[in-house]
Structure formats: structure tokens, C-alpha cells
Amino acid sequence: MLNLTGAVATPAPDVAGKVSPLLIADRLITLAQDADRAGYATTAERLIRLVNRVFDEERRCAHA
């Protein structure tokens, strides 16, 4: 069993900067695939809807 009692959060380095929407979408799709394989179809659908929202937000920001 994983024990996180001594875990300490470390801040992301400044180099990380802004994360690409494409990278976020890719990770969300991977999570959705894993959720679907594990039998969590509803969660997978929610993750895919979130992917769509990421790109909708990116489109709105590009036109502003």
C-alpha cells in the first residue's frame, strides 16, 4: 500500500511555464481511455467533455 504521510509537495520549476492545451488534452484522453478500460464509462465521458472544453476555451482566447 502506498504511504503518503511523509510526502512533500514541491513547486514546479519556472521552466514549466504555460502548459500547452494539446498536452493537457492528450493526458485527459489517456485518463479517459484508462477509465473506460477499468469500467468507469461515465468518468471517461466526463474526461472527454473536459477535453472539448479545453479546446473551446483555446479557440475563444485566440479570437479575442
C-alpha atoms as a PDB file:
ATOM      1  CA  MET A   1       0.000   0.000   0.000  1.00  0.00           C
ATOM      2  CA  LEU A   2       1.205   3.474  -0.871  1.00  0.00           C
ATOM      3  CA  ASN A   3       2.035   5.622   2.152  1.00  0.00           C
ATOM      4  CA  LEU A   4       1.980   9.386   1.532  1.00  0.00           C
ATOM      5  CA  THR A   5       2.219  10.636   5.106  1.00  0.00           C
ATOM      6  CA  GLY A   6       5.762  11.928   4.586  1.00  0.00           C
ATOM      7  CA  ALA A   7       5.146  13.273   1.078  1.00  0.00           C
ATOM      8  CA  VAL A   8       6.038  16.892   0.455  1.00  0.00           C
ATOM      9  CA  ALA A   9       4.720  18.912  -2.465  1.00  0.00           C
ATOM     10  CA  THR A  10       7.441  20.618  -4.452  1.00  0.00           C
ATOM     11  CA  PRO A  11       6.642  23.583  -6.674  1.00  0.00           C
ATOM     12  CA  ALA A  12       7.029  23.199 -10.419  1.00  0.00           C
ATOM     13  CA  PRO A  13      10.150  24.804 -11.835  1.00  0.00           C
ATOM     14  CA  ASP A  14       9.785  28.146 -13.585  1.00  0.00           C
ATOM     15  CA  VAL A  15      10.845  26.463 -16.804  1.00  0.00           C
ATOM     16  CA  ALA A  16       7.496  24.649 -16.913  1.00  0.00           C
ATOM     17  CA  GLY A  17       5.692  27.918 -17.666  1.00  0.00           C
ATOM     18  CA  LYS A  18       2.417  27.624 -19.514  1.00  0.00           C
ATOM     19  CA  VAL A  19       1.293  24.087 -20.342  1.00  0.00           C
ATOM     20  CA  SER A  20       0.092  23.517 -23.887  1.00  0.00           C
ATOM     21  CA  PRO A  21      -3.626  22.790 -24.318  1.00  0.00           C
ATOM     22  CA  LEU A  22      -2.584  19.940 -26.609  1.00  0.00           C
ATOM     23  CA  LEU A  23      -0.576  18.356 -23.804  1.00  0.00           C
ATOM     24  CA  ILE A  24      -3.477  18.730 -21.370  1.00  0.00           C
ATOM     25  CA  ALA A  25      -5.878  17.181 -23.889  1.00  0.00           C
ATOM     26  CA  ASP A  26      -3.521  14.273 -24.535  1.00  0.00           C
ATOM     27  CA  ARG A  27      -3.269  13.481 -20.836  1.00  0.00           C
ATOM     28  CA  LEU A  28      -7.024  13.774 -20.352  1.00  0.00           C
ATOM     29  CA  ILE A  29      -7.643  11.409 -23.283  1.00  0.00           C
ATOM     30  CA  THR A  30      -5.181   8.914 -21.809  1.00  0.00           C
ATOM     31  CA  LEU A  31      -7.004   9.112 -18.474  1.00  0.00           C
ATOM     32  CA  ALA A  32     -10.346   8.652 -20.246  1.00  0.00           C
ATOM     33  CA  GLN A  33      -9.052   5.547 -22.007  1.00  0.00           C
ATOM     34  CA  ASP A  34      -7.797   4.118 -18.720  1.00  0.00           C
ATOM     35  CA  ALA A  35     -11.099   4.913 -17.007  1.00  0.00           C
ATOM     36  CA  ASP A  36     -13.058   3.251 -19.808  1.00  0.00           C
ATOM     37  CA  ARG A  37     -10.890   0.118 -19.646  1.00  0.00           C
ATOM     38  CA  ALA A  38     -11.425  -0.005 -15.884  1.00  0.00           C
ATOM     39  CA  GLY A  39     -15.197   0.103 -16.330  1.00  0.00           C
ATOM     40  CA  TYR A  40     -15.743   3.750 -15.462  1.00  0.00           C
ATOM     41  CA  ALA A  41     -17.569   4.782 -18.633  1.00  0.00           C
ATOM     42  CA  THR A  42     -19.254   7.803 -17.019  1.00  0.00           C
ATOM     43  CA  THR A  43     -15.920   9.150 -15.821  1.00  0.00           C
ATOM     44  CA  ALA A  44     -14.405   8.566 -19.267  1.00  0.00           C
ATOM     45  CA  GLU A  45     -17.234  10.567 -20.863  1.00  0.00           C
ATOM     46  CA  ARG A  46     -16.692  13.429 -18.415  1.00  0.00           C
ATOM     47  CA  LEU A  47     -12.988  13.496 -19.202  1.00  0.00           C
ATOM     48  CA  ILE A  48     -13.703  13.648 -22.935  1.00  0.00           C
ATOM     49  CA  ARG A  49     -16.137  16.530 -22.362  1.00  0.00           C
ATOM     50  CA  LEU A  50     -13.348  18.259 -20.461  1.00  0.00           C
ATOM     51  CA  VAL A  51     -11.033  17.794 -23.461  1.00  0.00           C
ATOM     52  CA  ASN A  52     -13.639  19.528 -25.621  1.00  0.00           C
ATOM     53  CA  ARG A  53     -13.840  22.394 -23.129  1.00  0.00           C
ATOM     54  CA  VAL A  54     -10.059  22.830 -23.220  1.00  0.00           C
ATOM     55  CA  PHE A  55     -10.157  23.357 -26.980  1.00  0.00           C
ATOM     56  CA  ASP A  56     -13.272  25.538 -26.840  1.00  0.00           C
ATOM     57  CA  GLU A  57     -11.501  27.809 -24.340  1.00  0.00           C
ATOM     58  CA  GLU A  58      -8.379  27.902 -26.515  1.00  0.00           C
ATOM     59  CA  ARG A  59     -10.495  28.885 -29.536  1.00  0.00           C
ATOM     60  CA  ARG A  60     -12.187  31.698 -27.558  1.00  0.00           C
ATOM     61  CA  CYS A  61      -8.815  33.039 -26.391  1.00  0.00           C
ATOM     62  CA  ALA A  62      -7.420  33.002 -29.931  1.00  0.00           C
ATOM     63  CA  HIS A  63     -10.271  35.130 -31.285  1.00  0.00           C
ATOM     64  CA  ALA A  64     -10.165  37.706 -28.500  1.00  0.00           C
END
